[in-house]
Every structure is written in C-alpha cells, then in structure tokens.
C-alpha cells in the first residue's frame, strides 16, 4: 500500500501528494559573532506562499527577512527557505498554527547551544 495525502488551503484546490506528510523544519543558529537567525524550510509542502509568509513574519517580528533557495535541493523543485533575524521561534510557530499547520508536523532544531 502506497502512502498518500491531500493538502488544501483556504480557497485553493486540493492537491493529491504521494508519500507521507513532510514536516516544516525550523532551525535556530548563530551567525557571525553572537547574531542569531531563525530559518524556516518546507513551507511549500503545506501550500503556504513563501513570499507572503516572509512579509507576514517581517511585519510581526519587526526584523529583517531573507528568502533564498534551499541549499542542496534541486532547482527544478523551487524549494525556498525563509531566514528571519533574531530568535523568532515563538512568532514563527504562532503564524504556522494560524495558517492551519498541525504542531506535530513542525520540527525544531536548535544549533545555538554552546559546545563543551
């Protein structure tokens, strides 16, 4: 039996997708010095407009947002990643839940912990 699922979002037609549901990945990491950024990838799997999501986060967090192609992904897939300045984990998860993404399909990765 092959896994499949349907995805639909506010006024858009329902999309049939093979395979299991892929999660949205939220990563916090430290850039040069002590600058923390929050990266969000996998929004396309839930039919969320990446540009609209970036603008919404930028207004909500009052911080800089950059949208770049996802590193390591095929250019044919057109997968993109949103990078938000600062530790914005709570704001990003709040917007995702507002858009209807279940919490069980959101994964967190924290790379800001100090190494011994």
PDB file of N, CA and C in Angstrom:
ATOM      1  N   UNK A   1       0.838  -1.177   0.000  1.00  0.00           N
ATOM      2  CA  UNK A   1       0.000   0.000   0.000  1.00  0.00           C
ATOM      3  C   UNK A   1       0.888   1.247   0.000  1.00  0.00           C
ATOM      4  N   UNK A   2       0.603   2.179  -0.884  1.00  0.00           N
ATOM      5  CA  UNK A   2       1.397   3.390  -1.021  1.00  0.00           C
ATOM      6  C   UNK A   2       0.754   4.505  -0.185  1.00  0.00           C
ATOM      7  N   UNK A   3       1.588   5.177   0.599  1.00  0.00           N
ATOM      8  CA  UNK A   3       1.085   6.299   1.384  1.00  0.00           C
ATOM      9  C   UNK A   3       0.776   7.481   0.482  1.00  0.00           C
ATOM     10  N   UNK A   4      -0.255   8.219   0.815  1.00  0.00           N
ATOM     11  CA  UNK A   4      -0.599   9.438   0.097  1.00  0.00           C
ATOM     12  C   UNK A   4      -1.410  10.329   1.024  1.00  0.00           C
ATOM     13  N   UNK A   5      -1.511  11.601   0.663  1.00  0.00           N
ATOM     14  CA  UNK A   5      -2.305  12.528   1.466  1.00  0.00           C
ATOM     15  C   UNK A   5      -2.814  13.655   0.572  1.00  0.00           C
ATOM     16  N   UNK A   6      -3.808  14.365   1.076  1.00  0.00           N
ATOM     17  CA  UNK A   6      -4.382  15.500   0.379  1.00  0.00           C
ATOM     18  C   UNK A   6      -4.056  16.761   1.166  1.00  0.00           C
ATOM     19  N   UNK A   7      -3.752  17.852   0.441  1.00  0.00           N
ATOM     20  CA  UNK A   7      -3.478  19.130   1.089  1.00  0.00           C
ATOM     21  C   UNK A   7      -4.339  20.188   0.411  1.00  0.00           C
ATOM     22  N   UNK A   8      -5.021  20.982   1.208  1.00  0.00           N
ATOM     23  CA  UNK A   8      -5.810  22.090   0.694  1.00  0.00           C
ATOM     24  C   UNK A   8      -5.665  23.279   1.615  1.00  0.00           C
ATOM     25  N   UNK A   9      -5.740  24.484   1.058  1.00  0.00           N
ATOM     26  CA  UNK A   9      -5.553  25.674   1.877  1.00  0.00           C
ATOM     27  C   UNK A   9      -6.447  26.793   1.374  1.00  0.00           C
ATOM     28  N   UNK A  10      -7.298  27.303   2.224  1.00  0.00           N
ATOM     29  CA  UNK A  10      -8.141  28.477   2.039  1.00  0.00           C
ATOM     30  C   UNK A  10      -8.349  28.931   0.586  1.00  0.00           C
ATOM     31  N   UNK A  11      -9.298  28.336  -0.073  1.00  0.00           N
ATOM     32  CA  UNK A  11      -9.679  28.778  -1.401  1.00  0.00           C
ATOM     33  C   UNK A  11      -8.846  28.185  -2.529  1.00  0.00           C
ATOM     34  N   UNK A  12      -7.821  27.430  -2.228  1.00  0.00           N
ATOM     35  CA  UNK A  12      -7.019  26.794  -3.262  1.00  0.00           C
ATOM     36  C   UNK A  12      -7.545  25.386  -3.490  1.00  0.00           C
ATOM     37  N   UNK A  13      -7.374  24.861  -4.701  1.00  0.00           N
ATOM     38  CA  UNK A  13      -7.830  23.487  -4.935  1.00  0.00           C
ATOM     39  C   UNK A  13      -7.012  22.488  -4.125  1.00  0.00           C
ATOM     40  N   UNK A  14      -7.644  21.369  -3.795  1.00  0.00           N
ATOM     41  CA  UNK A  14      -6.992  20.326  -3.009  1.00  0.00           C
ATOM     42  C   UNK A  14      -5.953  19.633  -3.888  1.00  0.00           C
ATOM     43  N   UNK A  15      -4.785  19.349  -3.298  1.00  0.00           N
ATOM     44  CA  UNK A  15      -3.677  18.740  -4.037  1.00  0.00           C
ATOM     45  C   UNK A  15      -3.430  17.331  -3.506  1.00  0.00           C
ATOM     46  N   UNK A  16      -3.338  16.342  -4.398  1.00  0.00           N
ATOM     47  CA  UNK A  16      -3.052  14.961  -4.059  1.00  0.00           C
ATOM     48  C   UNK A  16      -1.541  14.759  -4.125  1.00  0.00           C
ATOM     49  N   UNK A  17      -0.938  14.233  -3.043  1.00  0.00           N
ATOM     50  CA  UNK A  17       0.513  14.073  -2.963  1.00  0.00           C
ATOM     51  C   UNK A  17       0.850  12.647  -2.555  1.00  0.00           C
ATOM     52  N   UNK A  18       1.801  12.046  -3.264  1.00  0.00           N
ATOM     53  CA  UNK A  18       2.272  10.707  -2.901  1.00  0.00           C
ATOM     54  C   UNK A  18       3.197  10.804  -1.703  1.00  0.00           C
ATOM     55  N   UNK A  19       3.271   9.740  -0.937  1.00  0.00           N
ATOM     56  CA  UNK A  19       4.175   9.683   0.207  1.00  0.00           C
ATOM     57  C   UNK A  19       3.542  10.254   1.456  1.00  0.00           C
ATOM     58  N   UNK A  20       4.312  10.203   2.538  1.00  0.00           N
ATOM     59  CA  UNK A  20       3.839  10.721   3.816  1.00  0.00           C
ATOM     60  C   UNK A  20       3.923  12.238   3.864  1.00  0.00           C
ATOM     61  N   UNK A  21       3.376  12.802   4.914  1.00  0.00           N
ATOM     62  CA  UNK A  21       3.396  14.251   5.096  1.00  0.00           C
ATOM     63  C   UNK A  21       4.799  14.670   5.537  1.00  0.00           C
ATOM     64  N   UNK A  22       5.398  15.624   4.834  1.00  0.00           N
ATOM     65  CA  UNK A  22       6.722  16.130   5.184  1.00  0.00           C
ATOM     66  C   UNK A  22       6.570  17.279   6.168  1.00  0.00           C
ATOM     67  N   UNK A  23       7.483  17.357   7.106  1.00  0.00           N
ATOM     68  CA  UNK A  23       7.404  18.368   8.162  1.00  0.00           C
ATOM     69  C   UNK A  23       8.064  19.674   7.747  1.00  0.00           C
ATOM     70  N   UNK A  24       7.648  20.741   8.407  1.00  0.00           N
ATOM     71  CA  UNK A  24       8.300  22.035   8.267  1.00  0.00           C
ATOM     72  C   UNK A  24       9.434  22.067   9.284  1.00  0.00           C
ATOM     73  N   UNK A  25      10.620  22.484   8.850  1.00  0.00           N
ATOM     74  CA  UNK A  25      11.793  22.497   9.718  1.00  0.00           C
ATOM     75  C   UNK A  25      12.125  23.933  10.112  1.00  0.00           C
ATOM     76  N   UNK A  26      12.174  24.184  11.423  1.00  0.00           N
ATOM     77  CA  UNK A  26      12.564  25.491  11.954  1.00  0.00           C
ATOM     78  C   UNK A  26      13.905  25.312  12.649  1.00  0.00           C
ATOM     79  N   UNK A  27      14.917  26.056  12.207  1.00  0.00           N
ATOM     80  CA  UNK A  27      16.270  25.929  12.733  1.00  0.00           C
ATOM     81  C   UNK A  27      16.725  27.263  13.295  1.00  0.00           C
ATOM     82  N   UNK A  28      17.261  27.245  14.506  1.00  0.00           N
ATOM     83  CA  UNK A  28      17.897  28.437  15.077  1.00  0.00           C
ATOM     84  C   UNK A  28      19.393  28.199  15.091  1.00  0.00           C
ATOM     85  N   UNK A  29      20.143  29.163  14.567  1.00  0.00           N
ATOM     86  CA  UNK A  29      21.595  29.022  14.568  1.00  0.00           C
ATOM     87  C   UNK A  29      22.260  30.367  14.765  1.00  0.00           C
ATOM     88  N   UNK A  30      23.527  30.309  15.139  1.00  0.00           N
ATOM     89  CA  UNK A  30      24.295  31.531  15.376  1.00  0.00           C
ATOM     90  C   UNK A  30      25.116  31.828  14.134  1.00  0.00           C
ATOM     91  N   UNK A  31      25.036  33.051  13.674  1.00  0.00           N
ATOM     92  CA  UNK A  31      25.848  33.514  12.553  1.00  0.00           C
ATOM     93  C   UNK A  31      27.087  34.191  13.118  1.00  0.00           C
ATOM     94  N   UNK A  32      27.735  35.030  12.350  1.00  0.00           N
ATOM     95  CA  UNK A  32      28.974  35.666  12.785  1.00  0.00           C
ATOM     96  C   UNK A  32      28.797  36.354  14.134  1.00  0.00           C
ATOM     97  N   UNK A  33      29.681  36.049  15.043  1.00  0.00           N
ATOM     98  CA  UNK A  33      29.605  36.639  16.371  1.00  0.00           C
ATOM     99  C   UNK A  33      28.487  36.033  17.185  1.00  0.00           C
ATOM    100  N   UNK A  34      27.618  36.878  17.698  1.00  0.00           N
ATOM    101  CA  UNK A  34      26.508  36.411  18.532  1.00  0.00           C
ATOM    102  C   UNK A  34      25.158  36.641  17.868  1.00  0.00           C
ATOM    103  N   UNK A  35      25.132  36.786  16.569  1.00  0.00           N
ATOM    104  CA  UNK A  35      23.882  37.026  15.837  1.00  0.00           C
ATOM    105  C   UNK A  35      23.118  35.718  15.663  1.00  0.00           C
ATOM    106  N   UNK A  36      21.885  35.694  16.109  1.00  0.00           N
ATOM    107  CA  UNK A  36      21.040  34.505  15.988  1.00  0.00           C
ATOM    108  C   UNK A  36      20.048  34.706  14.852  1.00  0.00           C
ATOM    109  N   UNK A  37      19.865  33.670  14.042  1.00  0.00           N
ATOM    110  CA  UNK A  37      18.869  33.700  12.973  1.00  0.00           C
ATOM    111  C   UNK A  37      17.963  32.484  13.109  1.00  0.00           C
ATOM    112  N   UNK A  38      16.756  32.621  12.599  1.00  0.00           N
ATOM    113  CA  UNK A  38      15.783  31.530  12.574  1.00  0.00           C
ATOM    114  C   UNK A  38      15.478  31.224  11.121  1.00  0.00           C
ATOM    115  N   UNK A  39      15.668  29.965  10.722  1.00  0.00           N
ATOM    116  CA  UNK A  39      15.416  29.548   9.342  1.00  0.00           C
ATOM    117  C   UNK A  39      14.196  28.637   9.301  1.00  0.00           C
ATOM    118  N   UNK A  40      13.347  28.846   8.297  1.00  0.00           N
ATOM    119  CA  UNK A  40      12.132  28.038   8.128  1.00  0.00           C
ATOM    120  C   UNK A  40      12.161  27.456   6.722  1.00  0.00           C
ATOM    121  N   UNK A  41      12.051  26.135   6.600  1.00  0.00           N
ATOM    122  CA  UNK A  41      12.021  25.491   5.289  1.00  0.00           C
ATOM    123  C   UNK A  41      10.904  24.444   5.261  1.00  0.00           C
ATOM    124  N   UNK A  42      10.436  24.149   4.060  1.00  0.00           N
ATOM    125  CA  UNK A  42       9.388  23.147   3.886  1.00  0.00           C
ATOM    126  C   UNK A  42       7.987  23.726   3.824  1.00  0.00           C
ATOM    127  N   UNK A  43       7.871  25.036   3.649  1.00  0.00           N
ATOM    128  CA  UNK A  43       6.541  25.660   3.598  1.00  0.00           C
ATOM    129  C   UNK A  43       5.763  25.237   2.360  1.00  0.00           C
ATOM    130  N   UNK A  44       6.472  24.903   1.291  1.00  0.00           N
ATOM    131  CA  UNK A  44       5.807  24.526   0.037  1.00  0.00           C
ATOM    132  C   UNK A  44       4.995  23.253   0.186  1.00  0.00           C
ATOM    133  N   UNK A  45       5.390  22.374   1.115  1.00  0.00           N
ATOM    134  CA  UNK A  45       4.680  21.104   1.299  1.00  0.00           C
ATOM    135  C   UNK A  45       3.273  21.323   1.864  1.00  0.00           C
ATOM    136  N   UNK A  46       3.030  22.468   2.468  1.00  0.00           N
ATOM    137  CA  UNK A  46       1.714  22.794   3.014  1.00  0.00           C
ATOM    138  C   UNK A  46       1.025  23.884   2.214  1.00  0.00           C
ATOM    139  N   UNK A  47       1.497  24.125   0.986  1.00  0.00           N
ATOM    140  CA  UNK A  47       0.913  25.112   0.067  1.00  0.00           C
ATOM    141  C   UNK A  47       0.878  26.510   0.673  1.00  0.00           C
ATOM    142  N   UNK A  48       1.890  26.869   1.445  1.00  0.00           N
ATOM    143  CA  UNK A  48       1.996  28.207   2.021  1.00  0.00           C
ATOM    144  C   UNK A  48       2.872  29.042   1.106  1.00  0.00           C
ATOM    145  N   UNK A  49       2.389  30.207   0.721  1.00  0.00           N
ATOM    146  CA  UNK A  49       3.145  31.118  -0.133  1.00  0.00           C
ATOM    147  C   UNK A  49       4.353  31.637   0.650  1.00  0.00           C
ATOM    148  N   UNK A  50       5.555  31.357   0.159  1.00  0.00           N
ATOM    149  CA  UNK A  50       6.777  31.698   0.879  1.00  0.00           C
ATOM    150  C   UNK A  50       6.957  33.211   0.960  1.00  0.00           C
ATOM    151  N   UNK A  51       6.665  33.918  -0.132  1.00  0.00           N
ATOM    152  CA  UNK A  51       6.815  35.381  -0.132  1.00  0.00           C
ATOM    153  C   UNK A  51       5.830  36.037   0.839  1.00  0.00           C
ATOM    154  N   UNK A  52       4.596  35.586   0.828  1.00  0.00           N
ATOM    155  CA  UNK A  52       3.594  36.127   1.747  1.00  0.00           C
ATOM    156  C   UNK A  52       3.929  35.813   3.199  1.00  0.00           C
ATOM    157  N   UNK A  53       4.437  34.604   3.444  1.00  0.00           N
ATOM    158  CA  UNK A  53       4.844  34.220   4.790  1.00  0.00           C
ATOM    159  C   UNK A  53       5.998  35.099   5.256  1.00  0.00           C
ATOM    160  N   UNK A  54       6.951  35.356   4.373  1.00  0.00           N
ATOM    161  CA  UNK A  54       8.088  36.203   4.716  1.00  0.00           C
ATOM    162  C   UNK A  54       7.664  37.617   5.077  1.00  0.00           C
ATOM    163  N   UNK A  55       6.742  38.183   4.305  1.00  0.00           N
ATOM    164  CA  UNK A  55       6.248  39.528   4.599  1.00  0.00           C
ATOM    165  C   UNK A  55       5.496  39.566   5.924  1.00  0.00           C
ATOM    166  N   UNK A  56       4.693  38.546   6.178  1.00  0.00           N
ATOM    167  CA  UNK A  56       3.925  38.493   7.420  1.00  0.00           C
ATOM    168  C   UNK A  56       4.843  38.395   8.643  1.00  0.00           C
ATOM    169  N   UNK A  57       5.871  37.571   8.545  1.00  0.00           N
ATOM    170  CA  UNK A  57       6.842  37.430   9.644  1.00  0.00           C
ATOM    171  C   UNK A  57       7.625  38.727   9.829  1.00  0.00           C
ATOM    172  N   UNK A  58       7.979  39.377   8.727  1.00  0.00           N
ATOM    173  CA  UNK A  58       8.745  40.618   8.812  1.00  0.00           C
ATOM    174  C   UNK A  58       7.962  41.690   9.561  1.00  0.00           C
ATOM    175  N   UNK A  59       6.674  41.803   9.295  1.00  0.00           N
ATOM    176  CA  UNK A  59       5.837  42.794   9.974  1.00  0.00           C
ATOM    177  C   UNK A  59       5.633  42.406  11.438  1.00  0.00           C
ATOM    178  N   UNK A  60       5.370  41.123  11.690  1.00  0.00           N
ATOM    179  CA  UNK A  60       5.106  40.662  13.054  1.00  0.00           C
ATOM    180  C   UNK A  60       6.332  40.804  13.955  1.00  0.00           C
ATOM    181  N   UNK A  61       7.494  40.419  13.447  1.00  0.00           N
ATOM    182  CA  UNK A  61       8.716  40.428  14.258  1.00  0.00           C
ATOM    183  C   UNK A  61       9.472  41.750  14.197  1.00  0.00           C
ATOM    184  N   UNK A  62       9.137  42.607  13.255  1.00  0.00           N
ATOM    185  CA  UNK A  62       9.854  43.864  13.035  1.00  0.00           C
ATOM    186  C   UNK A  62      11.352  43.594  12.872  1.00  0.00           C
ATOM    187  N   UNK A  63      11.668  42.627  12.030  1.00  0.00           N
ATOM    188  CA  UNK A  63      13.064  42.278  11.795  1.00  0.00           C
ATOM    189  C   UNK A  63      13.286  42.003  10.310  1.00  0.00           C
ATOM    190  N   UNK A  64      14.537  41.819   9.955  1.00  0.00           N
ATOM    191  CA  UNK A  64      14.911  41.569   8.578  1.00  0.00           C
ATOM    192  C   UNK A  64      14.585  40.132   8.182  1.00  0.00           C
ATOM    193  N   UNK A  65      14.145  39.945   6.928  1.00  0.00           N
ATOM    194  CA  UNK A  65      13.807  38.618   6.411  1.00  0.00           C
ATOM    195  C   UNK A  65      14.481  38.443   5.055  1.00  0.00           C
ATOM    196  N   UNK A  66      15.074  37.276   4.831  1.00  0.00           N
ATOM    197  CA  UNK A  66      15.676  36.945   3.540  1.00  0.00           C
ATOM    198  C   UNK A  66      15.093  35.626   3.062  1.00  0.00           C
ATOM    199  N   UNK A  67      14.729  35.573   1.774  1.00  0.00           N
ATOM    200  CA  UNK A  67      14.192  34.355   1.178  1.00  0.00           C
ATOM    201  C   UNK A  67      15.194  33.880   0.137  1.00  0.00           C
ATOM    202  N   UNK A  68      15.739  32.677   0.340  1.00  0.00           N
ATOM    203  CA  UNK A  68      16.768  32.135  -0.537  1.00  0.00           C
ATOM    204  C   UNK A  68      16.397  30.729  -0.986  1.00  0.00           C
ATOM    205  N   UNK A  69      16.984  30.266  -2.105  1.00  0.00           N
ATOM    206  CA  UNK A  69      16.758  28.863  -2.496  1.00  0.00           C
ATOM    207  C   UNK A  69      17.322  27.922  -1.441  1.00  0.00           C
ATOM    208  N   UNK A  70      16.671  26.808  -1.244  1.00  0.00           N
ATOM    209  CA  UNK A  70      17.094  25.827  -0.246  1.00  0.00           C
ATOM    210  C   UNK A  70      18.373  25.144  -0.717  1.00  0.00           C
ATOM    211  N   UNK A  71      19.388  25.160   0.130  1.00  0.00           N
ATOM    212  CA  UNK A  71      20.684  24.578  -0.206  1.00  0.00           C
ATOM    213  C   UNK A  71      20.562  23.065  -0.298  1.00  0.00           C
ATOM    214  N   UNK A  72      21.066  22.493  -1.377  1.00  0.00           N
ATOM    215  CA  UNK A  72      21.049  21.047  -1.549  1.00  0.00           C
ATOM    216  C   UNK A  72      19.829  20.509  -2.266  1.00  0.00           C
ATOM    217  N   UNK A  73      18.832  21.352  -2.516  1.00  0.00           N
ATOM    218  CA  UNK A  73      17.620  20.900  -3.206  1.00  0.00           C
ATOM    219  C   UNK A  73      17.760  21.148  -4.710  1.00  0.00           C
ATOM    220  N   UNK A  74      17.080  20.368  -5.498  1.00  0.00           N
ATOM    221  CA  UNK A  74      17.117  20.522  -6.944  1.00  0.00           C
ATOM    222  C   UNK A  74      16.449  21.843  -7.346  1.00  0.00           C
ATOM    223  N   UNK A  75      17.048  22.590  -8.267  1.00  0.00           N
ATOM    224  CA  UNK A  75      16.427  23.836  -8.722  1.00  0.00           C
ATOM    225  C   UNK A  75      15.063  23.627  -9.391  1.00  0.00           C
ATOM    226  N   UNK A  76      14.829  22.416  -9.889  1.00  0.00           N
ATOM    227  CA  UNK A  76      13.547  22.109 -10.528  1.00  0.00           C
ATOM    228  C   UNK A  76      12.398  22.132  -9.527  1.00  0.00           C
ATOM    229  N   UNK A  77      12.691  21.794  -8.256  1.00  0.00           N
ATOM    230  CA  UNK A  77      11.649  21.748  -7.235  1.00  0.00           C
ATOM    231  C   UNK A  77      11.257  23.130  -6.732  1.00  0.00           C
ATOM    232  N   UNK A  78      12.129  24.124  -6.915  1.00  0.00           N
ATOM    233  CA  UNK A  78      11.874  25.506  -6.498  1.00  0.00           C
ATOM    234  C   UNK A  78      11.540  25.589  -4.991  1.00  0.00           C
ATOM    235  N   UNK A  79      12.331  24.885  -4.169  1.00  0.00           N
ATOM    236  CA  UNK A  79      12.150  24.945  -2.723  1.00  0.00           C
ATOM    237  C   UNK A  79      12.940  26.120  -2.172  1.00  0.00           C
ATOM    238  N   UNK A  80      12.315  26.896  -1.275  1.00  0.00           N
ATOM    239  CA  UNK A  80      12.967  28.080  -0.727  1.00  0.00           C
ATOM    240  C   UNK A  80      12.918  28.055   0.790  1.00  0.00           C
ATOM    241  N   UNK A  81      13.788  28.869   1.387  1.00  0.00           N
ATOM    242  CA  UNK A  81      13.906  28.925   2.834  1.00  0.00           C
ATOM    243  C   UNK A  81      13.807  30.386   3.272  1.00  0.00           C
ATOM    244  N   UNK A  82      13.119  30.602   4.387  1.00  0.00           N
ATOM    245  CA  UNK A  82      12.960  31.948   4.946  1.00  0.00           C
ATOM    246  C   UNK A  82      13.907  32.081   6.131  1.00  0.00           C
ATOM    247  N   UNK A  83      14.747  33.124   6.113  1.00  0.00           N
ATOM    248  CA  UNK A  83      15.662  33.371   7.216  1.00  0.00           C
ATOM    249  C   UNK A  83      15.253  34.672   7.897  1.00  0.00           C
ATOM    250  N   UNK A  84      14.954  34.590   9.206  1.00  0.00           N
ATOM    251  CA  UNK A  84      14.481  35.726   9.985  1.00  0.00           C
ATOM    252  C   UNK A  84      15.564  36.114  10.979  1.00  0.00           C
ATOM    253  N   UNK A  85      15.818  37.384  11.096  1.00  0.00           N
ATOM    254  CA  UNK A  85      16.833  37.862  12.025  1.00  0.00           C
ATOM    255  C   UNK A  85      16.322  37.735  13.457  1.00  0.00           C
ATOM    256  N   UNK A  86      17.139  37.131  14.323  1.00  0.00           N
ATOM    257  CA  UNK A  86      16.800  37.009  15.730  1.00  0.00           C
ATOM    258  C   UNK A  86      16.170  35.677  16.069  1.00  0.00           C
ATOM    259  N   UNK A  87      16.048  35.383  17.362  1.00  0.00           N
ATOM    260  CA  UNK A  87      15.409  34.135  17.808  1.00  0.00           C
ATOM    261  C   UNK A  87      13.886  34.290  17.782  1.00  0.00           C
ATOM    262  N   UNK A  88      13.265  33.964  16.685  1.00  0.00           N
ATOM    263  CA  UNK A  88      11.835  34.203  16.479  1.00  0.00           C
ATOM    264  C   UNK A  88      11.026  32.912  16.475  1.00  0.00           C
ATOM    265  N   UNK A  89      11.417  31.940  17.256  1.00  0.00           N
ATOM    266  CA  UNK A  89      10.768  30.634  17.262  1.00  0.00           C
ATOM    267  C   UNK A  89       9.285  30.724  17.627  1.00  0.00           C
ATOM    268  N   UNK A  90       8.955  31.470  18.665  1.00  0.00           N
ATOM    269  CA  UNK A  90       7.560  31.576  19.109  1.00  0.00           C
ATOM    270  C   UNK A  90       6.689  32.262  18.061  1.00  0.00           C
ATOM    271  N   UNK A  91       7.186  33.324  17.451  1.00  0.00           N
ATOM    272  CA  UNK A  91       6.402  34.039  16.442  1.00  0.00           C
ATOM    273  C   UNK A  91       6.178  33.189  15.199  1.00  0.00           C
ATOM    274  N   UNK A  92       7.203  32.464  14.764  1.00  0.00           N
ATOM    275  CA  UNK A  92       7.070  31.619  13.575  1.00  0.00           C
ATOM    276  C   UNK A  92       6.073  30.500  13.823  1.00  0.00           C
ATOM    277  N   UNK A  93       6.153  29.836  14.975  1.00  0.00           N
ATOM    278  CA  UNK A  93       5.207  28.758  15.259  1.00  0.00           C
ATOM    279  C   UNK A  93       3.779  29.284  15.398  1.00  0.00           C
ATOM    280  N   UNK A  94       3.623  30.489  15.936  1.00  0.00           N
ATOM    281  CA  UNK A  94       2.285  31.078  16.057  1.00  0.00           C
ATOM    282  C   UNK A  94       1.677  31.334  14.684  1.00  0.00           C
ATOM    283  N   UNK A  95       2.468  31.842  13.750  1.00  0.00           N
ATOM    284  CA  UNK A  95       1.961  32.105  12.397  1.00  0.00           C
ATOM    285  C   UNK A  95       1.638  30.795  11.683  1.00  0.00           C
ATOM    286  N   UNK A  96       2.470  29.785  11.859  1.00  0.00           N
ATOM    287  CA  UNK A  96       2.202  28.493  11.228  1.00  0.00           C
ATOM    288  C   UNK A  96       0.921  27.865  11.760  1.00  0.00           C
ATOM    289  N   UNK A  97       0.688  27.944  13.060  1.00  0.00           N
ATOM    290  CA  UNK A  97      -0.551  27.401  13.625  1.00  0.00           C
ATOM    291  C   UNK A  97      -1.755  28.214  13.156  1.00  0.00           C
ATOM    292  N   UNK A  98      -1.578  29.501  12.991  1.00  0.00           N
ATOM    293  CA  UNK A  98      -2.650  30.357  12.469  1.00  0.00           C
ATOM    294  C   UNK A  98      -3.011  29.965  11.040  1.00  0.00           C
ATOM    295  N   UNK A  99      -2.035  29.501  10.294  1.00  0.00           N
ATOM    296  CA  UNK A  99      -2.270  29.080   8.907  1.00  0.00           C
ATOM    297  C   UNK A  99      -2.775  27.648   8.813  1.00  0.00           C
ATOM    298  N   UNK A 100      -2.900  26.957   9.956  1.00  0.00           N
ATOM    299  CA  UNK A 100      -3.504  25.636   9.961  1.00  0.00           C
ATOM    300  C   UNK A 100      -2.533  24.473   9.923  1.00  0.00           C
ATOM    301  N   UNK A 101      -1.252  24.716  10.167  1.00  0.00           N
ATOM    302  CA  UNK A 101      -0.273  23.630  10.188  1.00  0.00           C
ATOM    303  C   UNK A 101      -0.305  22.975  11.570  1.00  0.00           C
ATOM    304  N   UNK A 102      -0.578  21.670  11.648  1.00  0.00           N
ATOM    305  CA  UNK A 102      -0.593  20.997  12.951  1.00  0.00           C
ATOM    306  C   UNK A 102       0.796  21.023  13.597  1.00  0.00           C
ATOM    307  N   UNK A 103       0.819  21.126  14.907  1.00  0.00           N
ATOM    308  CA  UNK A 103       2.078  21.215  15.637  1.00  0.00           C
ATOM    309  C   UNK A 103       2.930  19.963  15.460  1.00  0.00           C
ATOM    310  N   UNK A 104       2.294  18.814  15.214  1.00  0.00           N
ATOM    311  CA  UNK A 104       3.051  17.576  15.055  1.00  0.00           C
ATOM    312  C   UNK A 104       3.836  17.537  13.746  1.00  0.00           C
ATOM    313  N   UNK A 105       3.538  18.441  12.810  1.00  0.00           N
ATOM    314  CA  UNK A 105       4.253  18.493  11.540  1.00  0.00           C
ATOM    315  C   UNK A 105       5.271  19.628  11.495  1.00  0.00           C
ATOM    316  N   UNK A 106       5.660  20.125  12.658  1.00  0.00           N
ATOM    317  CA  UNK A 106       6.688  21.168  12.751  1.00  0.00           C
ATOM    318  C   UNK A 106       7.837  20.615  13.585  1.00  0.00           C
ATOM    319  N   UNK A 107       9.044  20.611  12.998  1.00  0.00           N
ATOM    320  CA  UNK A 107      10.230  20.115  13.703  1.00  0.00           C
ATOM    321  C   UNK A 107      11.132  21.289  14.058  1.00  0.00           C
ATOM    322  N   UNK A 108      11.779  21.213  15.231  1.00  0.00           N
ATOM    323  CA  UNK A 108      12.666  22.265  15.705  1.00  0.00           C
ATOM    324  C   UNK A 108      14.088  21.716  15.803  1.00  0.00           C
ATOM    325  N   UNK A 109      15.050  22.544  15.416  1.00  0.00           N
ATOM    326  CA  UNK A 109      16.452  22.189  15.539  1.00  0.00           C
ATOM    327  C   UNK A 109      17.184  23.407  16.073  1.00  0.00           C
ATOM    328  N   UNK A 110      17.798  23.261  17.242  1.00  0.00           N
ATOM    329  CA  UNK A 110      18.481  24.378  17.884  1.00  0.00           C
ATOM    330  C   UNK A 110      19.981  24.168  17.811  1.00  0.00           C
ATOM    331  N   UNK A 111      20.653  25.005  17.035  1.00  0.00           N
ATOM    332  CA  UNK A 111      22.111  24.930  16.896  1.00  0.00           C
ATOM    333  C   UNK A 111      22.808  26.024  17.680  1.00  0.00           C
ATOM    334  N   UNK A 112      22.096  26.669  18.601  1.00  0.00           N
ATOM    335  CA  UNK A 112      22.691  27.781  19.347  1.00  0.00           C
ATOM    336  C   UNK A 112      23.340  27.349  20.656  1.00  0.00           C
ATOM    337  N   UNK A 113      23.166  26.091  21.034  1.00  0.00           N
ATOM    338  CA  UNK A 113      23.740  25.645  22.306  1.00  0.00           C
ATOM    339  C   UNK A 113      25.269  25.673  22.232  1.00  0.00           C
ATOM    340  N   UNK A 114      25.881  26.033  23.352  1.00  0.00           N
ATOM    341  CA  UNK A 114      27.338  26.131  23.403  1.00  0.00           C
ATOM    342  C   UNK A 114      27.953  24.736  23.461  1.00  0.00           C
ATOM    343  N   UNK A 115      29.049  24.574  22.758  1.00  0.00           N
ATOM    344  CA  UNK A 115      29.758  23.288  22.752  1.00  0.00           C
ATOM    345  C   UNK A 115      30.804  23.282  23.848  1.00  0.00           C
ATOM    346  N   UNK A 116      31.015  22.115  24.431  1.00  0.00           N
ATOM    347  CA  UNK A 116      31.999  21.997  25.504  1.00  0.00           C
ATOM    348  C   UNK A 116      33.348  21.586  24.961  1.00  0.00           C
TER     349      UNK A 116
END
